[in-house]
Amino acid sequence: MRTDLFDFDLPAERIALRPVAPRDAARLLVVRPAATPPFDDRGVHDLPELLAPGDALVVNDTKVIPARLVGRRLGRGAEATIEATLTERIDGSRWRAFVRGAKKVAAGDVVRFGDEGKVCFLGQLDATVEGKGEGGEVTLSFSFYGPVLDQAIAERGDMPLPPYIASKRKPDERDRIDYQTMFARDEGSVAAPTAGLHFTDALLTRLSARGVAVHKVTLHVGPGTFLPVRDGDIDGHKMHSERCVLPIETFDAISTRSQNCPT
C-alpha cells in the first residue's frame, strides 16, 4: 500500500501545543460500524457512559525519560550543535541514541551536552561517540555511570516532544508534567503513550463506580514513533521494536473477559 494514500491536510491551528485542561475534556471520536451514523463526537469524560459494567480497560504505566539532549561537538574543527535522543540503555554508562544530523559526528568524537550557563553540580555531561549505525543511530559512552548518569540526564535532558510540536516551540519545564500520564511508573519511554494523557483521578473514580476494571501493562514507546516513513510503500518501511511487559494478572483478567464475551 502506498504511503501517499494516508496524506491529508491538517491546518496548523488544529495542532494542540499544550494539553486541554482538565485532561479528560479532550475530544473522543466513537466509532460504531453498525450504527447510523457510525461516528459519534464525544469527550473523554464520557468514557464511563460508553463502557459497560464488567468491561476491562488496559493502560500503559511506562514513564517518559527526558531523553532529548542538546550539546556541541568538541575538539575537531568548528564546534557543531548536536541533538541526540536517547533510545536504549546498553549498560551503566552507554546508550544508543538517534542523532539529528548524524553526519556531524564520527567515532571518537566527544559531545558536551547541556547549557553552559546552567548550574550543574555534576559538572559537564560529556559523551564519546563509540560507534555509528544506520539511519542516524549512534552509541554514546558517557563520562558518568549508573544513578549518577541518570541524575545528570534528568537535569540536562528535555522531554522528547513529537516533531509536530517541537517544530512549533521549544521544550520547557511544563512538559515534564504535561507529557507524562498519571499512570507513569516504570521509566523507559522516549515518547508518551498519548491515549493515557487524557485520564484524571476523577475519571478513574467514575470508571470504578461504573464497574470498569483498570489493568496495567508496560510498553516502552521507542523512537520509531518519531521517525518518518520514507519509503513510498509501507511494506518497505522498517519498524523499530519496542519492549513490553504483560503482568500475569492483566493477562488472566483479559483472558477471562474475552471468554465471557458474546460472539
C-alpha atoms as a PDB file:
ATOM      1  CA  MET A   1       0.000   0.000   0.000  1.00  0.00           C
ATOM      2  CA  ARG A   2       1.375   3.384  -0.996  1.00  0.00           C
ATOM      3  CA  THR A   3       2.058   5.861   1.798  1.00  0.00           C
ATOM      4  CA  ASP A   4       0.575   8.789  -0.128  1.00  0.00           C
ATOM      5  CA  LEU A   5      -2.864   7.252   0.387  1.00  0.00           C
ATOM      6  CA  PHE A   6      -2.561   8.398   4.004  1.00  0.00           C
ATOM      7  CA  ASP A   7      -1.844  12.047   3.154  1.00  0.00           C
ATOM      8  CA  PHE A   8      -4.283  14.657   4.427  1.00  0.00           C
ATOM      9  CA  ASP A   9      -4.326  18.384   5.151  1.00  0.00           C
ATOM     10  CA  LEU A  10      -4.012  19.385   8.815  1.00  0.00           C
ATOM     11  CA  PRO A  11      -4.377  23.129   9.437  1.00  0.00           C
ATOM     12  CA  ALA A  12      -1.663  24.465  11.757  1.00  0.00           C
ATOM     13  CA  GLU A  13      -4.259  25.963  14.099  1.00  0.00           C
ATOM     14  CA  ARG A  14      -5.629  22.453  14.723  1.00  0.00           C
ATOM     15  CA  ILE A  15      -2.349  21.216  16.231  1.00  0.00           C
ATOM     16  CA  ALA A  16      -2.530  21.419  20.026  1.00  0.00           C
ATOM     17  CA  LEU A  17       0.752  22.609  21.539  1.00  0.00           C
ATOM     18  CA  ARG A  18      -0.476  22.196  25.135  1.00  0.00           C
ATOM     19  CA  PRO A  19      -2.953  19.751  26.680  1.00  0.00           C
ATOM     20  CA  VAL A  20      -6.510  20.806  27.353  1.00  0.00           C
ATOM     21  CA  ALA A  21      -7.472  21.372  30.998  1.00  0.00           C
ATOM     22  CA  PRO A  22      -8.813  19.296  32.602  1.00  0.00           C
ATOM     23  CA  ARG A  23      -7.224  16.493  30.653  1.00  0.00           C
ATOM     24  CA  ASP A  24     -10.427  14.474  30.301  1.00  0.00           C
ATOM     25  CA  ALA A  25     -12.022  17.405  28.440  1.00  0.00           C
ATOM     26  CA  ALA A  26     -10.248  16.178  25.296  1.00  0.00           C
ATOM     27  CA  ARG A  27     -12.499  15.177  22.410  1.00  0.00           C
ATOM     28  CA  LEU A  28     -13.195  11.494  21.720  1.00  0.00           C
ATOM     29  CA  LEU A  29     -14.398  10.004  18.434  1.00  0.00           C
ATOM     30  CA  VAL A  30     -16.624   6.962  19.000  1.00  0.00           C
ATOM     31  CA  VAL A  31     -16.915   4.564  16.045  1.00  0.00           C
ATOM     32  CA  ARG A  32     -19.873   2.180  15.884  1.00  0.00           C
ATOM     33  CA  PRO A  33     -19.777   0.495  12.440  1.00  0.00           C
ATOM     34  CA  ALA A  34     -23.279  -0.984  12.792  1.00  0.00           C
ATOM     35  CA  ALA A  35     -24.891   2.299  13.871  1.00  0.00           C
ATOM     36  CA  THR A  36     -26.361   5.111  11.799  1.00  0.00           C
ATOM     37  CA  PRO A  37     -24.491   7.390  11.764  1.00  0.00           C
ATOM     38  CA  PRO A  38     -21.389   5.310  12.589  1.00  0.00           C
ATOM     39  CA  PHE A  39     -19.482   8.210  14.194  1.00  0.00           C
ATOM     40  CA  ASP A  40     -20.229   9.976  17.474  1.00  0.00           C
ATOM     41  CA  ASP A  41     -18.340  13.110  18.547  1.00  0.00           C
ATOM     42  CA  ARG A  42     -17.928  12.821  22.315  1.00  0.00           C
ATOM     43  CA  GLY A  43     -15.432  13.677  25.067  1.00  0.00           C
ATOM     44  CA  VAL A  44     -13.037  11.509  27.086  1.00  0.00           C
ATOM     45  CA  HIS A  45     -15.078  12.402  30.186  1.00  0.00           C
ATOM     46  CA  ASP A  46     -17.963  10.415  28.596  1.00  0.00           C
ATOM     47  CA  LEU A  47     -15.968   7.160  28.783  1.00  0.00           C
ATOM     48  CA  PRO A  48     -17.800   5.729  31.845  1.00  0.00           C
ATOM     49  CA  GLU A  49     -21.131   6.009  29.994  1.00  0.00           C
ATOM     50  CA  LEU A  50     -19.653   4.476  26.838  1.00  0.00           C
ATOM     51  CA  LEU A  51     -18.333   1.385  28.652  1.00  0.00           C
ATOM     52  CA  ALA A  52     -20.394  -1.292  30.361  1.00  0.00           C
ATOM     53  CA  PRO A  53     -20.043  -2.764  33.868  1.00  0.00           C
ATOM     54  CA  GLY A  54     -17.561  -5.635  33.684  1.00  0.00           C
ATOM     55  CA  ASP A  55     -15.542  -4.097  30.849  1.00  0.00           C
ATOM     56  CA  ALA A  56     -11.759  -4.051  31.204  1.00  0.00           C
ATOM     57  CA  LEU A  57      -9.617  -1.007  30.454  1.00  0.00           C
ATOM     58  CA  VAL A  58      -5.891  -1.612  29.897  1.00  0.00           C
ATOM     59  CA  VAL A  59      -3.481   1.301  30.460  1.00  0.00           C
ATOM     60  CA  ASN A  60       0.257   1.682  29.900  1.00  0.00           C
ATOM     61  CA  ASP A  61       2.309   2.563  33.005  1.00  0.00           C
ATOM     62  CA  THR A  62       5.538   3.404  31.164  1.00  0.00           C
ATOM     63  CA  LYS A  63       7.297   6.607  32.170  1.00  0.00           C
ATOM     64  CA  VAL A  64       8.899   9.008  29.690  1.00  0.00           C
ATOM     65  CA  ILE A  65      12.521   9.900  30.337  1.00  0.00           C
ATOM     66  CA  PRO A  66      13.905  13.371  29.445  1.00  0.00           C
ATOM     67  CA  ALA A  67      15.707  11.747  26.551  1.00  0.00           C
ATOM     68  CA  ARG A  68      16.410  14.771  24.332  1.00  0.00           C
ATOM     69  CA  LEU A  69      19.917  16.151  24.830  1.00  0.00           C
ATOM     70  CA  VAL A  70      21.382  19.138  23.005  1.00  0.00           C
ATOM     71  CA  GLY A  71      25.126  19.745  23.038  1.00  0.00           C
ATOM     72  CA  ARG A  72      28.157  20.578  20.955  1.00  0.00           C
ATOM     73  CA  ARG A  73      30.938  18.546  19.384  1.00  0.00           C
ATOM     74  CA  LEU A  74      34.355  19.270  20.871  1.00  0.00           C
ATOM     75  CA  GLY A  75      37.916  19.080  19.608  1.00  0.00           C
ATOM     76  CA  ARG A  76      37.507  18.563  15.867  1.00  0.00           C
ATOM     77  CA  GLY A  77      37.230  21.621  13.666  1.00  0.00           C
ATOM     78  CA  ALA A  78      34.489  24.162  14.237  1.00  0.00           C
ATOM     79  CA  GLU A  79      32.062  23.229  17.004  1.00  0.00           C
ATOM     80  CA  ALA A  80      28.804  21.746  15.731  1.00  0.00           C
ATOM     81  CA  THR A  81      25.458  21.649  17.514  1.00  0.00           C
ATOM     82  CA  ILE A  82      24.411  18.071  18.240  1.00  0.00           C
ATOM     83  CA  GLU A  83      20.856  16.983  19.099  1.00  0.00           C
ATOM     84  CA  ALA A  84      20.546  13.413  20.384  1.00  0.00           C
ATOM     85  CA  THR A  85      17.515  11.428  21.528  1.00  0.00           C
ATOM     86  CA  LEU A  86      18.401   8.531  23.823  1.00  0.00           C
ATOM     87  CA  THR A  87      16.611   5.364  22.766  1.00  0.00           C
ATOM     88  CA  GLU A  88      18.016   2.349  24.617  1.00  0.00           C
ATOM     89  CA  ARG A  89      20.279   1.838  27.633  1.00  0.00           C
ATOM     90  CA  ILE A  90      23.086  -0.616  26.891  1.00  0.00           C
ATOM     91  CA  ASP A  91      24.751  -0.657  30.316  1.00  0.00           C
ATOM     92  CA  GLY A  92      25.573   1.691  33.176  1.00  0.00           C
ATOM     93  CA  SER A  93      27.337   4.288  31.029  1.00  0.00           C
ATOM     94  CA  ARG A  94      26.303   3.634  27.417  1.00  0.00           C
ATOM     95  CA  TRP A  95      23.154   4.474  25.473  1.00  0.00           C
ATOM     96  CA  ARG A  96      22.005   4.043  21.929  1.00  0.00           C
ATOM     97  CA  ALA A  97      20.686   7.297  20.508  1.00  0.00           C
ATOM     98  CA  PHE A  98      19.425   8.906  17.337  1.00  0.00           C
ATOM     99  CA  VAL A  99      21.396  11.980  16.358  1.00  0.00           C
ATOM    100  CA  ARG A 100      19.837  14.650  14.212  1.00  0.00           C
ATOM    101  CA  GLY A 101      22.376  15.408  11.519  1.00  0.00           C
ATOM    102  CA  ALA A 102      24.477  12.345  12.340  1.00  0.00           C
ATOM    103  CA  LYS A 103      26.983  13.274   9.633  1.00  0.00           C
ATOM    104  CA  LYS A 104      28.320  15.866  12.076  1.00  0.00           C
ATOM    105  CA  VAL A 105      29.781  13.176  14.349  1.00  0.00           C
ATOM    106  CA  ALA A 106      32.251  10.350  13.891  1.00  0.00           C
ATOM    107  CA  ALA A 107      33.504   7.566  16.123  1.00  0.00           C
ATOM    108  CA  GLY A 108      35.792   9.021  18.772  1.00  0.00           C
ATOM    109  CA  ASP A 109      34.145  12.460  18.861  1.00  0.00           C
ATOM    110  CA  VAL A 110      33.324  13.963  22.255  1.00  0.00           C
ATOM    111  CA  VAL A 111      29.985  15.725  22.681  1.00  0.00           C
ATOM    112  CA  ARG A 112      29.300  18.023  25.647  1.00  0.00           C
ATOM    113  CA  PHE A 113      25.600  18.169  26.494  1.00  0.00           C
ATOM    114  CA  GLY A 114      23.713  20.896  28.322  1.00  0.00           C
ATOM    115  CA  ASP A 115      23.656  24.664  28.562  1.00  0.00           C
ATOM    116  CA  GLU A 116      26.971  26.163  29.581  1.00  0.00           C
ATOM    117  CA  GLY A 117      25.266  28.692  31.829  1.00  0.00           C
ATOM    118  CA  LYS A 118      23.206  26.116  33.696  1.00  0.00           C
ATOM    119  CA  VAL A 119      24.301  25.205  37.204  1.00  0.00           C
ATOM    120  CA  CYS A 120      25.168  21.509  37.313  1.00  0.00           C
ATOM    121  CA  PHE A 121      26.738  20.114  40.469  1.00  0.00           C
ATOM    122  CA  LEU A 122      27.816  17.065  38.488  1.00  0.00           C
ATOM    123  CA  GLY A 123      29.939  19.154  36.146  1.00  0.00           C
ATOM    124  CA  GLN A 124      29.791  18.745  32.382  1.00  0.00           C
ATOM    125  CA  LEU A 125      27.885  15.870  30.829  1.00  0.00           C
ATOM    126  CA  ASP A 126      30.273  14.529  28.200  1.00  0.00           C
ATOM    127  CA  ALA A 127      29.848  11.526  25.933  1.00  0.00           C
ATOM    128  CA  THR A 128      32.140   9.840  23.442  1.00  0.00           C
ATOM    129  CA  VAL A 129      30.731   8.561  20.152  1.00  0.00           C
ATOM    130  CA  GLU A 130      31.623   4.894  20.371  1.00  0.00           C
ATOM    131  CA  GLY A 131      30.088   3.818  17.086  1.00  0.00           C
ATOM    132  CA  LYS A 132      27.599   4.669  14.337  1.00  0.00           C
ATOM    133  CA  GLY A 133      24.823   2.618  12.777  1.00  0.00           C
ATOM    134  CA  GLU A 134      22.240   3.223  10.086  1.00  0.00           C
ATOM    135  CA  GLY A 135      19.658   5.979   9.962  1.00  0.00           C
ATOM    136  CA  GLY A 136      21.399   8.304  12.399  1.00  0.00           C
ATOM    137  CA  GLU A 137      21.808   5.780  15.221  1.00  0.00           C
ATOM    138  CA  VAL A 138      24.935   6.139  17.360  1.00  0.00           C
ATOM    139  CA  THR A 139      26.322   4.593  20.530  1.00  0.00           C
ATOM    140  CA  LEU A 140      27.239   7.123  23.223  1.00  0.00           C
ATOM    141  CA  SER A 141      29.590   6.305  26.096  1.00  0.00           C
ATOM    142  CA  PHE A 142      29.034   8.834  28.901  1.00  0.00           C
ATOM    143  CA  SER A 143      31.572  10.037  31.433  1.00  0.00           C
ATOM    144  CA  PHE A 144      29.158   9.204  34.289  1.00  0.00           C
ATOM    145  CA  TYR A 145      27.844   5.804  35.347  1.00  0.00           C
ATOM    146  CA  GLY A 146      24.672   4.348  36.830  1.00  0.00           C
ATOM    147  CA  PRO A 147      22.460   6.511  39.069  1.00  0.00           C
ATOM    148  CA  VAL A 148      24.821   9.483  38.691  1.00  0.00           C
ATOM    149  CA  LEU A 149      24.348   9.368  34.919  1.00  0.00           C
ATOM    150  CA  ASP A 150      20.580   9.050  35.354  1.00  0.00           C
ATOM    151  CA  GLN A 151      20.579  12.160  37.506  1.00  0.00           C
ATOM    152  CA  ALA A 152      22.692  14.091  35.008  1.00  0.00           C
ATOM    153  CA  ILE A 153      20.375  13.137  32.144  1.00  0.00           C
ATOM    154  CA  ALA A 154      17.321  14.105  34.199  1.00  0.00           C
ATOM    155  CA  GLU A 155      18.883  17.517  34.895  1.00  0.00           C
ATOM    156  CA  ARG A 156      20.136  18.307  31.418  1.00  0.00           C
ATOM    157  CA  GLY A 157      17.644  16.463  29.245  1.00  0.00           C
ATOM    158  CA  ASP A 158      14.341  17.684  27.820  1.00  0.00           C
ATOM    159  CA  MET A 159      11.161  15.767  27.164  1.00  0.00           C
ATOM    160  CA  PRO A 160      11.286  14.461  23.559  1.00  0.00           C
ATOM    161  CA  LEU A 161       8.240  16.186  22.118  1.00  0.00           C
ATOM    162  CA  PRO A 162       6.701  14.922  18.859  1.00  0.00           C
ATOM    163  CA  PRO A 163       8.064  16.691  15.760  1.00  0.00           C
ATOM    164  CA  TYR A 164       4.741  18.419  15.072  1.00  0.00           C
ATOM    165  CA  ILE A 165       5.035  20.150  18.468  1.00  0.00           C
ATOM    166  CA  ALA A 166       8.822  20.536  18.623  1.00  0.00           C
ATOM    167  CA  SER A 167       8.762  22.358  15.277  1.00  0.00           C
ATOM    168  CA  LYS A 168       6.447  24.984  16.802  1.00  0.00           C
ATOM    169  CA  ARG A 169       8.083  25.610  20.196  1.00  0.00           C
ATOM    170  CA  LYS A 170      10.976  24.562  22.424  1.00  0.00           C
ATOM    171  CA  PRO A 171      10.554  22.054  25.288  1.00  0.00           C
ATOM    172  CA  ASP A 172      10.162  23.592  28.751  1.00  0.00           C
ATOM    173  CA  GLU A 173       9.662  22.550  32.382  1.00  0.00           C
ATOM    174  CA  ARG A 174       5.877  22.296  31.952  1.00  0.00           C
ATOM    175  CA  ASP A 175       6.412  19.419  29.554  1.00  0.00           C
ATOM    176  CA  ARG A 176       7.848  17.273  32.356  1.00  0.00           C
ATOM    177  CA  ILE A 177       4.323  17.176  33.787  1.00  0.00           C
ATOM    178  CA  ASP A 178       2.193  17.673  30.680  1.00  0.00           C
ATOM    179  CA  TYR A 179       3.939  14.930  28.698  1.00  0.00           C
ATOM    180  CA  GLN A 180       3.545  12.250  31.374  1.00  0.00           C
ATOM    181  CA  THR A 181       0.461  10.144  32.076  1.00  0.00           C
ATOM    182  CA  MET A 182      -0.994   9.743  35.551  1.00  0.00           C
ATOM    183  CA  PHE A 183      -0.094   6.030  35.335  1.00  0.00           C
ATOM    184  CA  ALA A 184       3.646   6.648  34.715  1.00  0.00           C
ATOM    185  CA  ARG A 185       5.756   4.382  36.918  1.00  0.00           C
ATOM    186  CA  ASP A 186       8.421   2.415  35.015  1.00  0.00           C
ATOM    187  CA  GLU A 187      10.979   4.598  33.181  1.00  0.00           C
ATOM    188  CA  GLY A 188      11.847   3.614  29.640  1.00  0.00           C
ATOM    189  CA  SER A 189       9.827   5.513  27.020  1.00  0.00           C
ATOM    190  CA  VAL A 190      11.134   8.202  24.704  1.00  0.00           C
ATOM    191  CA  ALA A 191       7.569   9.299  23.912  1.00  0.00           C
ATOM    192  CA  ALA A 192       4.339   9.348  25.874  1.00  0.00           C
ATOM    193  CA  PRO A 193       1.590   6.751  25.341  1.00  0.00           C
ATOM    194  CA  THR A 194      -0.701   9.570  24.283  1.00  0.00           C
ATOM    195  CA  ALA A 195      -4.113   7.985  24.883  1.00  0.00           C
ATOM    196  CA  GLY A 196      -3.263   7.786  28.591  1.00  0.00           C
ATOM    197  CA  LEU A 197      -2.595  11.522  28.765  1.00  0.00           C
ATOM    198  CA  HIS A 198      -6.336  12.209  28.923  1.00  0.00           C
ATOM    199  CA  PHE A 199      -7.091  10.381  32.180  1.00  0.00           C
ATOM    200  CA  THR A 200      -7.673  12.055  35.551  1.00  0.00           C
ATOM    201  CA  ASP A 201      -8.303  10.875  39.092  1.00  0.00           C
ATOM    202  CA  ALA A 202     -11.933  11.965  38.780  1.00  0.00           C
ATOM    203  CA  LEU A 203     -12.382   9.926  35.600  1.00  0.00           C
ATOM    204  CA  LEU A 204     -10.879   6.810  37.196  1.00  0.00           C
ATOM    205  CA  THR A 205     -13.228   7.208  40.180  1.00  0.00           C
ATOM    206  CA  ARG A 206     -16.239   7.313  37.839  1.00  0.00           C
ATOM    207  CA  LEU A 207     -14.965   4.303  35.871  1.00  0.00           C
ATOM    208  CA  SER A 208     -14.590   2.322  39.092  1.00  0.00           C
ATOM    209  CA  ALA A 209     -18.114   3.274  40.184  1.00  0.00           C
ATOM    210  CA  ARG A 210     -19.346   2.087  36.788  1.00  0.00           C
ATOM    211  CA  GLY A 211     -17.759  -1.316  37.395  1.00  0.00           C
ATOM    212  CA  VAL A 212     -14.998  -0.927  34.819  1.00  0.00           C
ATOM    213  CA  ALA A 213     -11.741  -2.575  35.905  1.00  0.00           C
ATOM    214  CA  VAL A 214      -8.398  -0.940  35.076  1.00  0.00           C
ATOM    215  CA  HIS A 215      -5.395  -3.175  34.351  1.00  0.00           C
ATOM    216  CA  LYS A 216      -1.801  -2.253  33.519  1.00  0.00           C
ATOM    217  CA  VAL A 217       0.851  -3.237  31.019  1.00  0.00           C
ATOM    218  CA  THR A 218       4.286  -1.702  30.494  1.00  0.00           C
ATOM    219  CA  LEU A 219       5.149  -0.884  26.893  1.00  0.00           C
ATOM    220  CA  HIS A 220       8.163   1.377  26.468  1.00  0.00           C
ATOM    221  CA  VAL A 221       7.466   3.594  23.471  1.00  0.00           C
ATOM    222  CA  GLY A 222      10.512   3.638  21.206  1.00  0.00           C
ATOM    223  CA  PRO A 223      11.993   6.170  18.783  1.00  0.00           C
ATOM    224  CA  GLY A 224      10.201   4.639  15.822  1.00  0.00           C
ATOM    225  CA  THR A 225       7.174   6.716  16.753  1.00  0.00           C
ATOM    226  CA  PHE A 226       9.119   9.848  15.735  1.00  0.00           C
ATOM    227  CA  LEU A 227      10.669   8.527  12.526  1.00  0.00           C
ATOM    228  CA  PRO A 228       9.028   9.362   9.188  1.00  0.00           C
ATOM    229  CA  VAL A 229       8.081   6.688   6.688  1.00  0.00           C
ATOM    230  CA  ARG A 230      10.484   7.473   3.834  1.00  0.00           C
ATOM    231  CA  ASP A 231       9.628   4.564   1.559  1.00  0.00           C
ATOM    232  CA  GLY A 232       6.856   5.067  -0.984  1.00  0.00           C
ATOM    233  CA  ASP A 233       5.261   1.776   0.057  1.00  0.00           C
ATOM    234  CA  ILE A 234       4.522   0.796   3.661  1.00  0.00           C
ATOM    235  CA  ASP A 235       5.970  -2.696   3.063  1.00  0.00           C
ATOM    236  CA  GLY A 236       9.384  -1.066   2.596  1.00  0.00           C
ATOM    237  CA  HIS A 237       9.334   0.691   5.971  1.00  0.00           C
ATOM    238  CA  LYS A 238      11.439  -0.883   8.704  1.00  0.00           C
ATOM    239  CA  MET A 239       9.604  -0.833  12.032  1.00  0.00           C
ATOM    240  CA  HIS A 240      11.562  -0.476  15.254  1.00  0.00           C
ATOM    241  CA  SER A 241      10.870  -2.955  18.028  1.00  0.00           C
ATOM    242  CA  GLU A 242       9.564  -1.976  21.471  1.00  0.00           C
ATOM    243  CA  ARG A 243       9.761  -3.711  24.839  1.00  0.00           C
ATOM    244  CA  CYS A 244       6.576  -4.780  26.593  1.00  0.00           C
ATOM    245  CA  VAL A 245       5.772  -6.454  29.904  1.00  0.00           C
ATOM    246  CA  LEU A 246       2.371  -8.110  30.344  1.00  0.00           C
ATOM    247  CA  PRO A 247       1.740  -8.934  34.036  1.00  0.00           C
ATOM    248  CA  ILE A 248       0.133 -12.324  34.614  1.00  0.00           C
ATOM    249  CA  GLU A 249      -2.775 -10.716  36.485  1.00  0.00           C
ATOM    250  CA  THR A 250      -3.544  -8.500  33.481  1.00  0.00           C
ATOM    251  CA  PHE A 251      -3.284 -11.484  31.128  1.00  0.00           C
ATOM    252  CA  ASP A 252      -5.666 -13.517  33.304  1.00  0.00           C
ATOM    253  CA  ALA A 253      -8.160 -10.647  33.571  1.00  0.00           C
ATOM    254  CA  ILE A 254      -8.228 -10.070  29.809  1.00  0.00           C
ATOM    255  CA  SER A 255      -8.452 -13.798  29.034  1.00  0.00           C
ATOM    256  CA  THR A 256     -11.365 -14.263  31.439  1.00  0.00           C
ATOM    257  CA  ARG A 257     -13.311 -11.349  29.979  1.00  0.00           C
ATOM    258  CA  SER A 258     -12.597 -12.473  26.406  1.00  0.00           C
ATOM    259  CA  GLN A 259     -14.031 -15.934  27.139  1.00  0.00           C
ATOM    260  CA  ASN A 260     -17.169 -14.363  28.589  1.00  0.00           C
ATOM    261  CA  CYS A 261     -17.778 -12.024  25.647  1.00  0.00           C
ATOM    262  CA  PRO A 262     -20.706 -12.940  23.380  1.00  0.00           C
ATOM    263  CA  THR A 263     -19.749 -13.958  19.831  1.00  0.00           C
END
